[in-house]
Amino acid sequence: MKKRVIEILKQFGVPESAITEQTHFTRDLGLDSLDTVDLIMQLEKAFGIRIPDEDYSRLTTMQGVLMYLEEEQAVI
């Protein structure tokens, strides 16, 4: 799962070496709001889930994304 998220982030020009569990997408990687929406859309496609708008605030860090995806997979 982590590897797939890293592959998606690399599409935004983010080097793998810049990604840690605590990496904040906006503050540390410089993703803007459009990038963030695109990232969420790609996560939805890659993992076959729908992420409601109200959950976007949970997806600001690598750790947040991984925790969210684990929760979603437990539900499926």
C-alpha atoms as a PDB file:
ATOM      1  CA  MET A   1       0.000   0.000   0.000  1.00  0.00           C
ATOM      2  CA  LYS A   2       2.755   2.433   0.959  1.00  0.00           C
ATOM      3  CA  LYS A   3       4.632   1.644  -2.242  1.00  0.00           C
ATOM      4  CA  ARG A   4       1.547   2.463  -4.348  1.00  0.00           C
ATOM      5  CA  VAL A   5       1.095   5.809  -2.575  1.00  0.00           C
ATOM      6  CA  ILE A   6       4.784   6.620  -3.137  1.00  0.00           C
ATOM      7  CA  GLU A   7       4.413   5.791  -6.839  1.00  0.00           C
ATOM      8  CA  ILE A   8       1.463   8.198  -7.059  1.00  0.00           C
ATOM      9  CA  LEU A   9       3.430  10.954  -5.297  1.00  0.00           C
ATOM     10  CA  LYS A  10       6.336  10.446  -7.690  1.00  0.00           C
ATOM     11  CA  GLN A  11       3.980  11.451 -10.517  1.00  0.00           C
ATOM     12  CA  PHE A  12       3.919  14.918  -8.891  1.00  0.00           C
ATOM     13  CA  GLY A  13       7.703  15.140  -9.187  1.00  0.00           C
ATOM     14  CA  VAL A  14       8.282  14.162  -5.564  1.00  0.00           C
ATOM     15  CA  PRO A  15      11.475  12.161  -5.052  1.00  0.00           C
ATOM     16  CA  GLU A  16      11.003   9.005  -2.991  1.00  0.00           C
ATOM     17  CA  SER A  17      13.765  10.157  -0.640  1.00  0.00           C
ATOM     18  CA  ALA A  18      11.582  13.136   0.385  1.00  0.00           C
ATOM     19  CA  ILE A  19       8.744  10.910   1.610  1.00  0.00           C
ATOM     20  CA  THR A  20       8.523   9.784   5.224  1.00  0.00           C
ATOM     21  CA  GLU A  21       5.589   8.897   7.471  1.00  0.00           C
ATOM     22  CA  GLN A  22       5.524  12.515   8.745  1.00  0.00           C
ATOM     23  CA  THR A  23       5.778  14.154   5.323  1.00  0.00           C
ATOM     24  CA  HIS A  24       3.130  16.873   5.000  1.00  0.00           C
ATOM     25  CA  PHE A  25       2.053  17.181   1.388  1.00  0.00           C
ATOM     26  CA  THR A  26       1.592  20.951   1.335  1.00  0.00           C
ATOM     27  CA  ARG A  27       4.189  22.137   3.814  1.00  0.00           C
ATOM     28  CA  ASP A  28       6.989  19.665   3.010  1.00  0.00           C
ATOM     29  CA  LEU A  29       6.347  18.789  -0.628  1.00  0.00           C
ATOM     30  CA  GLY A  30       4.813  22.035  -1.869  1.00  0.00           C
ATOM     31  CA  LEU A  31       1.628  20.494  -3.262  1.00  0.00           C
ATOM     32  CA  ASP A  32      -1.093  23.107  -3.765  1.00  0.00           C
ATOM     33  CA  SER A  33      -4.844  22.605  -3.390  1.00  0.00           C
ATOM     34  CA  LEU A  34      -5.264  21.432  -6.995  1.00  0.00           C
ATOM     35  CA  ASP A  35      -2.436  18.933  -6.564  1.00  0.00           C
ATOM     36  CA  THR A  36      -4.095  17.680  -3.386  1.00  0.00           C
ATOM     37  CA  VAL A  37      -7.416  17.122  -5.141  1.00  0.00           C
ATOM     38  CA  ASP A  38      -5.605  15.347  -7.986  1.00  0.00           C
ATOM     39  CA  LEU A  39      -3.741  13.199  -5.438  1.00  0.00           C
ATOM     40  CA  ILE A  40      -7.005  12.202  -3.763  1.00  0.00           C
ATOM     41  CA  MET A  41      -8.567  11.352  -7.127  1.00  0.00           C
ATOM     42  CA  GLN A  42      -5.590   9.166  -7.965  1.00  0.00           C
ATOM     43  CA  LEU A  43      -5.802   7.449  -4.569  1.00  0.00           C
ATOM     44  CA  GLU A  44      -9.491   6.741  -5.203  1.00  0.00           C
ATOM     45  CA  LYS A  45      -8.679   5.211  -8.575  1.00  0.00           C
ATOM     46  CA  ALA A  46      -5.674   3.212  -7.380  1.00  0.00           C
ATOM     47  CA  PHE A  47      -7.426   1.745  -4.341  1.00  0.00           C
ATOM     48  CA  GLY A  48     -10.963   1.500  -5.729  1.00  0.00           C
ATOM     49  CA  ILE A  49     -12.522   3.660  -3.022  1.00  0.00           C
ATOM     50  CA  ARG A  50     -14.482   6.886  -2.783  1.00  0.00           C
ATOM     51  CA  ILE A  51     -13.109   9.527  -0.440  1.00  0.00           C
ATOM     52  CA  PRO A  52     -15.793  11.984   0.727  1.00  0.00           C
ATOM     53  CA  ASP A  53     -14.899  15.690   0.807  1.00  0.00           C
ATOM     54  CA  GLU A  54     -15.176  15.767   4.602  1.00  0.00           C
ATOM     55  CA  ASP A  55     -12.297  13.253   4.853  1.00  0.00           C
ATOM     56  CA  TYR A  56      -9.836  15.354   2.839  1.00  0.00           C
ATOM     57  CA  SER A  57      -8.477  16.998   5.990  1.00  0.00           C
ATOM     58  CA  ARG A  58      -7.286  13.589   7.202  1.00  0.00           C
ATOM     59  CA  LEU A  59      -5.159  13.142   4.095  1.00  0.00           C
ATOM     60  CA  THR A  60      -2.522  15.830   4.574  1.00  0.00           C
ATOM     61  CA  THR A  61       0.385  13.558   5.512  1.00  0.00           C
ATOM     62  CA  MET A  62       1.754  10.231   4.352  1.00  0.00           C
ATOM     63  CA  GLN A  63       0.832   8.722   7.715  1.00  0.00           C
ATOM     64  CA  GLY A  64      -2.711  10.087   7.463  1.00  0.00           C
ATOM     65  CA  VAL A  65      -3.157   8.606   3.999  1.00  0.00           C
ATOM     66  CA  LEU A  66      -1.857   5.200   5.062  1.00  0.00           C
ATOM     67  CA  MET A  67      -4.065   5.128   8.158  1.00  0.00           C
ATOM     68  CA  TYR A  68      -7.104   6.162   6.103  1.00  0.00           C
ATOM     69  CA  LEU A  69      -6.449   3.498   3.473  1.00  0.00           C
ATOM     70  CA  GLU A  70      -6.001   0.808   6.140  1.00  0.00           C
ATOM     71  CA  GLU A  71      -9.325   1.808   7.716  1.00  0.00           C
ATOM     72  CA  GLU A  72     -11.054   1.734   4.335  1.00  0.00           C
ATOM     73  CA  GLN A  73      -9.682  -1.699   3.507  1.00  0.00           C
ATOM     74  CA  ALA A  74     -10.847  -3.029   6.872  1.00  0.00           C
ATOM     75  CA  VAL A  75     -14.374  -1.877   5.992  1.00  0.00           C
ATOM     76  CA  ILE A  76     -14.382  -3.457   2.522  1.00  0.00           C
END
